N, C-alpha and C. Protein backbone atom coordinates (compact mmCIF):
# COMPACT_ATOMS: atom_id res chain seq x y z
N MET A 1 0.82 -1.19 0.00
CA MET A 1 0.00 0.00 0.00
C MET A 1 0.87 1.26 0.00
N ALA A 2 1.83 1.32 0.92
CA ALA A 2 2.70 2.49 1.01
C ALA A 2 3.60 2.60 -0.22
N GLU A 3 4.00 1.47 -0.78
CA GLU A 3 4.85 1.49 -1.97
C GLU A 3 4.09 2.04 -3.16
N ASP A 4 2.77 1.74 -3.25
CA ASP A 4 1.97 2.28 -4.35
C ASP A 4 1.90 3.80 -4.29
N ILE A 5 1.75 4.31 -3.07
CA ILE A 5 1.68 5.77 -2.91
C ILE A 5 3.01 6.40 -3.27
N VAL A 6 4.11 5.79 -2.85
CA VAL A 6 5.44 6.31 -3.16
C VAL A 6 5.68 6.25 -4.66
N ASP A 7 5.29 5.16 -5.31
CA ASP A 7 5.46 5.04 -6.76
C ASP A 7 4.63 6.09 -7.49
N GLU A 8 3.41 6.32 -7.02
CA GLU A 8 2.55 7.32 -7.65
C GLU A 8 3.14 8.72 -7.45
N ASP A 9 3.63 9.00 -6.26
CA ASP A 9 4.27 10.29 -6.00
C ASP A 9 5.51 10.49 -6.86
N ASP A 10 6.30 9.43 -7.01
CA ASP A 10 7.49 9.51 -7.86
C ASP A 10 7.10 9.79 -9.31
N ALA A 11 6.05 9.14 -9.78
CA ALA A 11 5.60 9.35 -11.16
C ALA A 11 5.13 10.79 -11.37
N ILE A 12 4.39 11.33 -10.40
CA ILE A 12 3.92 12.71 -10.50
C ILE A 12 5.10 13.67 -10.47
N PHE A 13 6.07 13.41 -9.58
CA PHE A 13 7.24 14.28 -9.49
C PHE A 13 8.06 14.23 -10.78
N LYS A 14 8.22 13.05 -11.36
CA LYS A 14 8.99 12.94 -12.61
C LYS A 14 8.30 13.68 -13.74
N GLN A 15 6.95 13.60 -13.78
CA GLN A 15 6.21 14.32 -14.81
C GLN A 15 6.40 15.82 -14.62
N PHE A 16 6.29 16.30 -13.38
CA PHE A 16 6.49 17.72 -13.09
C PHE A 16 7.90 18.15 -13.44
N GLN A 17 8.87 17.31 -13.09
CA GLN A 17 10.27 17.63 -13.36
C GLN A 17 10.51 17.71 -14.86
N HIS A 18 9.85 16.83 -15.62
CA HIS A 18 10.00 16.83 -17.07
C HIS A 18 9.40 18.10 -17.68
N GLU A 19 8.24 18.54 -17.12
CA GLU A 19 7.56 19.70 -17.68
C GLU A 19 8.24 21.02 -17.29
N VAL A 20 8.86 21.09 -16.12
CA VAL A 20 9.42 22.34 -15.61
C VAL A 20 10.90 22.15 -15.35
N THR A 21 11.64 21.94 -16.41
CA THR A 21 13.08 21.81 -16.26
C THR A 21 13.74 23.16 -16.45
N PRO A 22 14.83 23.42 -15.73
CA PRO A 22 15.50 24.71 -15.90
C PRO A 22 16.01 24.93 -17.31
N GLY A 23 16.42 23.87 -17.99
CA GLY A 23 16.93 24.02 -19.35
C GLY A 23 15.85 24.03 -20.39
N GLY A 24 14.59 23.89 -19.96
CA GLY A 24 13.48 23.82 -20.90
C GLY A 24 13.25 25.11 -21.65
N PHE A 25 13.73 26.23 -21.10
CA PHE A 25 13.50 27.51 -21.77
C PHE A 25 14.36 27.64 -23.02
N LEU A 26 15.37 26.80 -23.18
CA LEU A 26 16.21 26.89 -24.36
C LEU A 26 15.74 25.97 -25.48
N GLN A 27 14.46 25.71 -25.53
CA GLN A 27 13.93 24.93 -26.63
C GLN A 27 14.16 25.71 -27.91
N PRO A 28 14.44 25.02 -28.99
CA PRO A 28 14.77 25.73 -30.24
C PRO A 28 13.68 26.69 -30.71
N ALA A 29 12.42 26.33 -30.55
CA ALA A 29 11.35 27.23 -31.01
C ALA A 29 11.32 28.50 -30.17
N ASN A 30 11.49 28.37 -28.86
CA ASN A 30 11.50 29.55 -27.99
C ASN A 30 12.70 30.43 -28.29
N LEU A 31 13.86 29.81 -28.45
CA LEU A 31 15.07 30.57 -28.73
C LEU A 31 14.98 31.27 -30.09
N ALA A 32 14.45 30.58 -31.08
CA ALA A 32 14.30 31.19 -32.41
C ALA A 32 13.33 32.36 -32.37
N SER A 33 12.25 32.21 -31.64
CA SER A 33 11.29 33.30 -31.52
C SER A 33 11.90 34.50 -30.79
N GLY A 34 12.68 34.22 -29.75
CA GLY A 34 13.34 35.30 -29.02
C GLY A 34 14.37 36.03 -29.88
N VAL A 35 15.15 35.29 -30.63
CA VAL A 35 16.15 35.92 -31.50
C VAL A 35 15.46 36.71 -32.61
N PHE A 36 14.37 36.16 -33.15
CA PHE A 36 13.62 36.89 -34.18
C PHE A 36 13.09 38.21 -33.63
N ALA A 37 12.54 38.19 -32.41
CA ALA A 37 12.04 39.43 -31.80
C ALA A 37 13.18 40.41 -31.57
N ALA A 38 14.37 39.91 -31.28
CA ALA A 38 15.53 40.78 -31.08
C ALA A 38 16.06 41.34 -32.39
N LEU A 39 15.78 40.67 -33.50
CA LEU A 39 16.25 41.15 -34.80
C LEU A 39 15.38 42.26 -35.38
N VAL A 40 14.14 42.35 -34.94
CA VAL A 40 13.22 43.35 -35.48
C VAL A 40 13.73 44.78 -35.28
N PRO A 41 14.24 45.16 -34.10
CA PRO A 41 14.70 46.54 -33.93
C PRO A 41 15.90 46.92 -34.80
N ILE A 42 16.57 45.97 -35.39
CA ILE A 42 17.72 46.30 -36.26
C ILE A 42 17.29 47.21 -37.40
N THR A 43 16.08 46.99 -37.92
CA THR A 43 15.61 47.85 -39.02
C THR A 43 15.47 49.30 -38.57
N LEU A 44 15.04 49.50 -37.33
CA LEU A 44 14.95 50.87 -36.82
C LEU A 44 16.33 51.51 -36.66
N TYR A 45 17.25 50.74 -36.15
CA TYR A 45 18.58 51.30 -35.89
C TYR A 45 19.39 51.50 -37.16
N THR A 46 19.16 50.68 -38.18
CA THR A 46 19.86 50.93 -39.44
C THR A 46 19.30 52.16 -40.14
N GLY A 47 18.00 52.39 -40.02
CA GLY A 47 17.39 53.54 -40.68
C GLY A 47 17.56 54.84 -39.93
N ILE A 48 17.41 54.83 -38.63
CA ILE A 48 17.42 56.08 -37.85
C ILE A 48 18.82 56.48 -37.40
N PHE A 49 19.59 55.51 -36.91
CA PHE A 49 20.92 55.82 -36.40
C PHE A 49 22.03 55.52 -37.41
N ASN A 50 21.68 55.12 -38.62
CA ASN A 50 22.64 54.80 -39.68
C ASN A 50 23.68 53.78 -39.22
N MET A 51 23.22 52.76 -38.50
CA MET A 51 24.12 51.68 -38.06
C MET A 51 24.03 50.55 -39.08
N SER A 52 24.96 50.54 -40.00
CA SER A 52 24.96 49.56 -41.08
C SER A 52 25.02 48.13 -40.54
N ILE A 53 24.31 47.23 -41.19
CA ILE A 53 24.31 45.82 -40.77
C ILE A 53 25.72 45.23 -40.92
N PHE A 54 26.41 45.61 -42.00
CA PHE A 54 27.74 45.05 -42.25
C PHE A 54 28.78 45.58 -41.26
N ASP A 55 28.68 46.83 -40.90
CA ASP A 55 29.66 47.41 -39.97
C ASP A 55 29.46 46.92 -38.54
N TYR A 56 28.23 46.70 -38.16
CA TYR A 56 27.91 46.33 -36.77
C TYR A 56 27.37 44.91 -36.65
N PHE A 57 27.77 44.05 -37.58
CA PHE A 57 27.25 42.68 -37.59
C PHE A 57 27.55 41.95 -36.28
N LEU A 58 28.76 42.05 -35.79
CA LEU A 58 29.13 41.35 -34.56
C LEU A 58 28.31 41.86 -33.37
N LEU A 59 28.12 43.15 -33.29
CA LEU A 59 27.30 43.73 -32.22
C LEU A 59 25.85 43.24 -32.32
N TYR A 60 25.29 43.27 -33.51
CA TYR A 60 23.92 42.80 -33.70
C TYR A 60 23.80 41.32 -33.32
N PHE A 61 24.77 40.54 -33.71
CA PHE A 61 24.73 39.09 -33.43
C PHE A 61 24.78 38.82 -31.92
N ILE A 62 25.73 39.42 -31.24
CA ILE A 62 25.90 39.16 -29.80
C ILE A 62 24.69 39.63 -29.01
N VAL A 63 24.23 40.83 -29.30
CA VAL A 63 23.07 41.36 -28.56
C VAL A 63 21.82 40.56 -28.89
N SER A 64 21.63 40.18 -30.14
CA SER A 64 20.44 39.41 -30.51
C SER A 64 20.40 38.05 -29.84
N VAL A 65 21.53 37.37 -29.77
CA VAL A 65 21.56 36.05 -29.11
C VAL A 65 21.33 36.20 -27.60
N ALA A 66 21.96 37.19 -26.98
CA ALA A 66 21.77 37.39 -25.55
C ALA A 66 20.33 37.76 -25.23
N VAL A 67 19.74 38.64 -26.02
CA VAL A 67 18.35 39.02 -25.82
C VAL A 67 17.43 37.84 -26.12
N GLY A 68 17.77 37.04 -27.13
CA GLY A 68 16.97 35.86 -27.45
C GLY A 68 16.93 34.86 -26.31
N VAL A 69 18.04 34.67 -25.63
CA VAL A 69 18.09 33.77 -24.48
C VAL A 69 17.24 34.32 -23.34
N ALA A 70 17.34 35.63 -23.09
CA ALA A 70 16.54 36.24 -22.02
C ALA A 70 15.05 36.16 -22.33
N LEU A 71 14.67 36.43 -23.58
CA LEU A 71 13.26 36.32 -23.94
C LEU A 71 12.78 34.87 -23.90
N SER A 72 13.64 33.95 -24.25
CA SER A 72 13.28 32.54 -24.17
C SER A 72 12.97 32.14 -22.74
N LEU A 73 13.75 32.64 -21.81
CA LEU A 73 13.48 32.38 -20.39
C LEU A 73 12.14 32.97 -19.97
N SER A 74 11.84 34.17 -20.44
CA SER A 74 10.56 34.78 -20.08
C SER A 74 9.39 34.05 -20.73
N TYR A 75 9.56 33.54 -21.96
CA TYR A 75 8.51 32.71 -22.58
C TYR A 75 8.23 31.50 -21.71
N HIS A 76 9.29 30.87 -21.27
CA HIS A 76 9.18 29.66 -20.45
C HIS A 76 8.48 29.98 -19.12
N ASN A 77 8.85 31.07 -18.48
CA ASN A 77 8.25 31.44 -17.20
C ASN A 77 6.76 31.69 -17.32
N ILE A 78 6.37 32.52 -18.27
CA ILE A 78 4.95 32.86 -18.44
C ILE A 78 4.16 31.65 -18.89
N SER A 79 4.72 30.87 -19.79
CA SER A 79 4.01 29.68 -20.27
C SER A 79 3.75 28.70 -19.13
N ASN A 80 4.75 28.43 -18.31
CA ASN A 80 4.55 27.50 -17.19
C ASN A 80 3.58 28.06 -16.16
N PHE A 81 3.65 29.36 -15.91
CA PHE A 81 2.74 29.98 -14.96
C PHE A 81 1.29 29.84 -15.44
N LEU A 82 1.04 30.20 -16.70
CA LEU A 82 -0.32 30.11 -17.22
C LEU A 82 -0.79 28.66 -17.36
N ARG A 83 0.13 27.78 -17.73
CA ARG A 83 -0.25 26.37 -17.87
C ARG A 83 -0.66 25.78 -16.54
N SER A 84 0.04 26.14 -15.48
CA SER A 84 -0.34 25.61 -14.16
C SER A 84 -1.72 26.12 -13.75
N LEU A 85 -2.02 27.38 -14.06
CA LEU A 85 -3.35 27.91 -13.74
C LEU A 85 -4.44 27.25 -14.58
N LEU A 86 -4.19 27.14 -15.88
CA LEU A 86 -5.21 26.57 -16.76
C LEU A 86 -5.39 25.07 -16.54
N ASP A 87 -4.30 24.35 -16.28
CA ASP A 87 -4.44 22.92 -15.99
C ASP A 87 -5.29 22.70 -14.75
N TRP A 88 -5.09 23.55 -13.76
CA TRP A 88 -5.85 23.42 -12.52
C TRP A 88 -7.34 23.70 -12.77
N LYS A 89 -7.62 24.74 -13.58
CA LYS A 89 -9.01 25.09 -13.85
C LYS A 89 -9.69 24.11 -14.80
N ARG A 90 -8.93 23.53 -15.72
CA ARG A 90 -9.50 22.62 -16.72
C ARG A 90 -9.45 21.16 -16.29
N ASP A 91 -9.00 20.92 -15.08
CA ASP A 91 -8.82 19.53 -14.62
C ASP A 91 -10.13 18.76 -14.61
N GLY A 92 -11.23 19.39 -14.26
CA GLY A 92 -12.50 18.68 -14.16
C GLY A 92 -13.31 18.65 -15.43
N LEU A 93 -12.78 19.15 -16.53
CA LEU A 93 -13.55 19.17 -17.78
C LEU A 93 -13.75 17.78 -18.36
N VAL A 94 -12.77 16.93 -18.26
CA VAL A 94 -12.87 15.58 -18.80
C VAL A 94 -13.08 14.63 -17.62
N THR A 95 -14.27 14.07 -17.53
CA THR A 95 -14.60 13.14 -16.47
C THR A 95 -15.18 11.86 -17.06
N ASN A 96 -15.27 10.84 -16.24
CA ASN A 96 -15.84 9.57 -16.70
C ASN A 96 -17.29 9.75 -17.12
N ALA A 97 -18.04 10.56 -16.36
CA ALA A 97 -19.46 10.76 -16.67
C ALA A 97 -19.64 11.45 -18.01
N ARG A 98 -18.82 12.44 -18.29
CA ARG A 98 -18.94 13.15 -19.58
C ARG A 98 -18.54 12.26 -20.74
N VAL A 99 -17.55 11.41 -20.52
CA VAL A 99 -17.14 10.50 -21.59
C VAL A 99 -18.24 9.47 -21.83
N ARG A 100 -18.88 9.00 -20.77
CA ARG A 100 -19.98 8.04 -20.93
C ARG A 100 -21.14 8.67 -21.69
N LYS A 101 -21.42 9.95 -21.43
CA LYS A 101 -22.50 10.63 -22.14
C LYS A 101 -22.20 10.73 -23.64
N SER A 102 -20.97 11.09 -23.95
CA SER A 102 -20.61 11.28 -25.36
C SER A 102 -20.41 9.97 -26.10
N ASN A 103 -19.89 8.97 -25.42
CA ASN A 103 -19.68 7.65 -26.02
C ASN A 103 -20.66 6.67 -25.39
N GLN A 104 -21.52 6.10 -26.19
CA GLN A 104 -22.49 5.14 -25.65
C GLN A 104 -21.82 3.82 -25.30
N LYS A 105 -20.68 3.55 -25.88
CA LYS A 105 -19.94 2.32 -25.56
C LYS A 105 -19.24 2.51 -24.22
N THR A 106 -19.36 1.56 -23.34
CA THR A 106 -18.77 1.68 -22.01
C THR A 106 -17.46 0.93 -21.90
N GLU A 107 -16.92 0.51 -22.99
CA GLU A 107 -15.67 -0.24 -22.93
C GLU A 107 -14.48 0.70 -22.82
N ASP A 108 -13.65 0.42 -21.88
CA ASP A 108 -12.37 1.12 -21.68
C ASP A 108 -12.52 2.64 -21.53
N ILE A 109 -13.37 3.04 -20.61
CA ILE A 109 -13.61 4.47 -20.35
C ILE A 109 -12.37 5.14 -19.80
N LYS A 110 -11.63 4.45 -18.95
CA LYS A 110 -10.45 5.06 -18.34
C LYS A 110 -9.41 5.46 -19.38
N SER A 111 -9.19 4.60 -20.35
CA SER A 111 -8.19 4.94 -21.37
C SER A 111 -8.66 6.11 -22.24
N ILE A 112 -9.96 6.19 -22.49
CA ILE A 112 -10.49 7.31 -23.26
C ILE A 112 -10.33 8.61 -22.47
N VAL A 113 -10.64 8.55 -21.17
CA VAL A 113 -10.50 9.73 -20.31
C VAL A 113 -9.05 10.17 -20.26
N GLU A 114 -8.12 9.24 -20.08
CA GLU A 114 -6.70 9.60 -20.03
C GLU A 114 -6.23 10.20 -21.35
N ALA A 115 -6.70 9.63 -22.48
CA ALA A 115 -6.31 10.17 -23.78
C ALA A 115 -6.84 11.59 -23.96
N GLN A 116 -8.08 11.82 -23.54
CA GLN A 116 -8.65 13.16 -23.68
C GLN A 116 -7.98 14.15 -22.74
N LYS A 117 -7.62 13.71 -21.53
CA LYS A 117 -6.91 14.60 -20.61
C LYS A 117 -5.53 14.94 -21.16
N LYS A 118 -4.86 13.96 -21.76
CA LYS A 118 -3.55 14.22 -22.35
C LYS A 118 -3.67 15.21 -23.51
N GLU A 119 -4.68 15.02 -24.33
CA GLU A 119 -4.90 15.93 -25.44
C GLU A 119 -5.22 17.34 -24.93
N GLN A 120 -6.00 17.43 -23.84
CA GLN A 120 -6.32 18.73 -23.25
C GLN A 120 -5.06 19.42 -22.72
N ARG A 121 -4.17 18.65 -22.10
CA ARG A 121 -2.91 19.23 -21.61
C ARG A 121 -2.04 19.73 -22.76
N GLU A 122 -2.01 19.00 -23.87
CA GLU A 122 -1.22 19.43 -25.02
C GLU A 122 -1.79 20.72 -25.62
N VAL A 123 -3.11 20.80 -25.71
CA VAL A 123 -3.74 22.01 -26.24
C VAL A 123 -3.46 23.19 -25.31
N THR A 124 -3.55 22.95 -24.00
CA THR A 124 -3.26 24.00 -23.03
C THR A 124 -1.82 24.46 -23.16
N TYR A 125 -0.89 23.52 -23.35
CA TYR A 125 0.52 23.89 -23.52
C TYR A 125 0.71 24.77 -24.75
N LYS A 126 0.09 24.41 -25.86
CA LYS A 126 0.23 25.20 -27.08
C LYS A 126 -0.39 26.59 -26.91
N GLU A 127 -1.53 26.65 -26.25
CA GLU A 127 -2.18 27.94 -26.03
C GLU A 127 -1.32 28.85 -25.16
N THR A 128 -0.81 28.31 -24.07
CA THR A 128 -0.02 29.14 -23.17
C THR A 128 1.30 29.58 -23.80
N LEU A 129 1.91 28.70 -24.57
CA LEU A 129 3.16 29.09 -25.24
C LEU A 129 2.90 30.18 -26.27
N SER A 130 1.84 30.05 -27.04
CA SER A 130 1.51 31.08 -28.03
C SER A 130 1.22 32.42 -27.36
N PHE A 131 0.45 32.38 -26.28
CA PHE A 131 0.15 33.63 -25.58
C PHE A 131 1.40 34.24 -24.97
N SER A 132 2.26 33.41 -24.39
CA SER A 132 3.46 33.97 -23.76
C SER A 132 4.39 34.59 -24.79
N ILE A 133 4.50 34.01 -25.96
CA ILE A 133 5.32 34.60 -27.02
C ILE A 133 4.72 35.93 -27.47
N LEU A 134 3.42 35.97 -27.67
CA LEU A 134 2.76 37.21 -28.08
C LEU A 134 2.92 38.30 -27.01
N TYR A 135 2.64 37.96 -25.79
CA TYR A 135 2.70 38.92 -24.68
C TYR A 135 4.12 39.45 -24.48
N ASN A 136 5.10 38.57 -24.42
CA ASN A 136 6.47 38.99 -24.17
C ASN A 136 7.06 39.76 -25.33
N ASN A 137 6.76 39.35 -26.57
CA ASN A 137 7.28 40.08 -27.73
C ASN A 137 6.68 41.50 -27.80
N LEU A 138 5.38 41.61 -27.53
CA LEU A 138 4.75 42.92 -27.55
C LEU A 138 5.35 43.82 -26.48
N LEU A 139 5.48 43.30 -25.28
CA LEU A 139 6.06 44.09 -24.19
C LEU A 139 7.51 44.46 -24.50
N PHE A 140 8.27 43.52 -25.04
CA PHE A 140 9.68 43.78 -25.37
C PHE A 140 9.80 44.88 -26.43
N LEU A 141 9.03 44.78 -27.50
CA LEU A 141 9.15 45.77 -28.57
C LEU A 141 8.66 47.15 -28.14
N LEU A 142 7.63 47.19 -27.33
CA LEU A 142 7.18 48.49 -26.80
C LEU A 142 8.25 49.12 -25.90
N LEU A 143 8.88 48.30 -25.08
CA LEU A 143 9.94 48.81 -24.21
C LEU A 143 11.16 49.26 -25.01
N VAL A 144 11.49 48.55 -26.08
CA VAL A 144 12.63 48.95 -26.92
C VAL A 144 12.36 50.32 -27.53
N VAL A 145 11.17 50.52 -28.07
CA VAL A 145 10.84 51.82 -28.67
C VAL A 145 10.83 52.91 -27.60
N PHE A 146 10.24 52.63 -26.45
CA PHE A 146 10.18 53.63 -25.38
C PHE A 146 11.58 53.98 -24.87
N LEU A 147 12.38 52.96 -24.61
CA LEU A 147 13.74 53.23 -24.10
C LEU A 147 14.62 53.87 -25.16
N GLY A 148 14.60 53.30 -26.36
CA GLY A 148 15.52 53.76 -27.41
C GLY A 148 15.22 55.13 -27.97
N PHE A 149 13.93 55.49 -28.04
CA PHE A 149 13.59 56.72 -28.73
C PHE A 149 12.99 57.80 -27.84
N TYR A 150 12.79 57.50 -26.57
CA TYR A 150 12.33 58.53 -25.64
C TYR A 150 13.31 58.73 -24.49
N ILE A 151 13.67 57.66 -23.83
CA ILE A 151 14.55 57.78 -22.66
C ILE A 151 16.00 58.00 -23.08
N LEU A 152 16.48 57.23 -24.03
CA LEU A 152 17.89 57.27 -24.43
C LEU A 152 18.10 57.95 -25.79
N ARG A 153 17.27 58.89 -26.16
CA ARG A 153 17.37 59.47 -27.51
C ARG A 153 18.65 60.25 -27.75
N SER A 154 19.28 60.77 -26.70
CA SER A 154 20.50 61.56 -26.89
C SER A 154 21.77 60.71 -26.79
N VAL A 155 21.62 59.43 -26.51
CA VAL A 155 22.76 58.52 -26.39
C VAL A 155 23.18 58.07 -27.80
N PRO A 156 24.48 57.97 -28.09
CA PRO A 156 24.92 57.50 -29.41
C PRO A 156 24.32 56.14 -29.77
N GLY A 157 24.17 55.90 -31.06
CA GLY A 157 23.46 54.74 -31.58
C GLY A 157 23.90 53.39 -31.04
N VAL A 158 25.21 53.14 -30.96
CA VAL A 158 25.69 51.83 -30.50
C VAL A 158 25.29 51.59 -29.05
N TYR A 159 25.50 52.59 -28.23
CA TYR A 159 25.15 52.43 -26.81
C TYR A 159 23.63 52.40 -26.62
N ASN A 160 22.94 53.17 -27.42
CA ASN A 160 21.49 53.18 -27.38
C ASN A 160 20.95 51.79 -27.71
N TYR A 161 21.51 51.18 -28.73
CA TYR A 161 21.06 49.83 -29.13
C TYR A 161 21.30 48.82 -28.00
N ILE A 162 22.48 48.83 -27.46
CA ILE A 162 22.81 47.87 -26.40
C ILE A 162 21.94 48.10 -25.17
N LEU A 163 21.83 49.36 -24.75
CA LEU A 163 21.07 49.65 -23.53
C LEU A 163 19.57 49.45 -23.70
N SER A 164 19.03 49.85 -24.84
CA SER A 164 17.58 49.72 -25.00
C SER A 164 17.16 48.25 -25.16
N LEU A 165 17.89 47.47 -25.96
CA LEU A 165 17.54 46.05 -26.09
C LEU A 165 17.85 45.28 -24.82
N GLY A 166 19.00 45.56 -24.22
CA GLY A 166 19.35 44.88 -22.97
C GLY A 166 18.40 45.24 -21.84
N GLY A 167 18.06 46.52 -21.73
CA GLY A 167 17.14 46.96 -20.69
C GLY A 167 15.74 46.40 -20.89
N ALA A 168 15.28 46.38 -22.13
CA ALA A 168 13.94 45.85 -22.40
C ALA A 168 13.89 44.34 -22.12
N ALA A 169 14.93 43.62 -22.52
CA ALA A 169 14.96 42.17 -22.27
C ALA A 169 15.05 41.89 -20.78
N ALA A 170 15.84 42.68 -20.06
CA ALA A 170 15.95 42.50 -18.61
C ALA A 170 14.62 42.80 -17.93
N ALA A 171 13.94 43.83 -18.36
CA ALA A 171 12.65 44.18 -17.76
C ALA A 171 11.60 43.10 -18.02
N VAL A 172 11.55 42.60 -19.24
CA VAL A 172 10.57 41.55 -19.57
C VAL A 172 10.88 40.28 -18.77
N THR A 173 12.14 39.92 -18.67
CA THR A 173 12.51 38.73 -17.91
C THR A 173 12.22 38.91 -16.43
N TYR A 174 12.52 40.09 -15.91
CA TYR A 174 12.23 40.37 -14.50
C TYR A 174 10.73 40.31 -14.23
N LEU A 175 9.93 40.91 -15.11
CA LEU A 175 8.48 40.90 -14.92
C LEU A 175 7.92 39.49 -14.99
N SER A 176 8.45 38.68 -15.89
CA SER A 176 7.94 37.30 -16.00
C SER A 176 8.35 36.49 -14.76
N GLN A 177 9.54 36.73 -14.26
CA GLN A 177 10.00 36.00 -13.07
C GLN A 177 9.22 36.45 -11.83
N SER A 178 8.96 37.74 -11.71
CA SER A 178 8.21 38.22 -10.54
C SER A 178 6.76 37.76 -10.62
N ASN A 179 6.22 37.63 -11.82
CA ASN A 179 4.87 37.11 -11.99
C ASN A 179 4.77 35.68 -11.51
N VAL A 180 5.79 34.88 -11.78
CA VAL A 180 5.82 33.48 -11.37
C VAL A 180 6.00 33.40 -9.85
N GLN A 181 6.85 34.23 -9.29
CA GLN A 181 7.13 34.16 -7.85
C GLN A 181 5.96 34.67 -7.02
N ASN A 182 5.16 35.57 -7.55
CA ASN A 182 4.00 36.07 -6.80
C ASN A 182 2.86 35.08 -6.74
N GLN A 183 2.89 34.09 -7.56
CA GLN A 183 1.81 33.09 -7.57
C GLN A 183 1.90 32.17 -6.43
């Protein structure tokens, strides 16, 4: 009896550990989305501050990768935070009684319920990841414009680029981390 409880607890912990790994934020899709969001301001800086892509390629590359990693972490934080909330609220949507109502066949109800719950968790994961990318990218780009063209407008272009993208990425990451910690 006690071994069954320990085995069940271990299985739940392993599932949680798999879903919320510290290295999980460096998934290729998250990192690519973060780097892409960091590449968007380059068009503003090449046009307004005359920072040629060829002359400042190394600067653009280093800052874009660093900002991409920071944004990837914030995607991961917000996605996990929202997924935990939505999983908790959607936990009772798939029940044995609802499956029996929809399927007149009563054979293997448990496996159908588990399959539907798994599908619900996958849909929830995709929804939360999409929302976190949208939310963080919007906040990041608004902060870049605000910092770069209002707060730091008198700073030379190279320093403006580094400070505005770095500051915006740091703010978005900090906000996502504080959002997770307040829960």
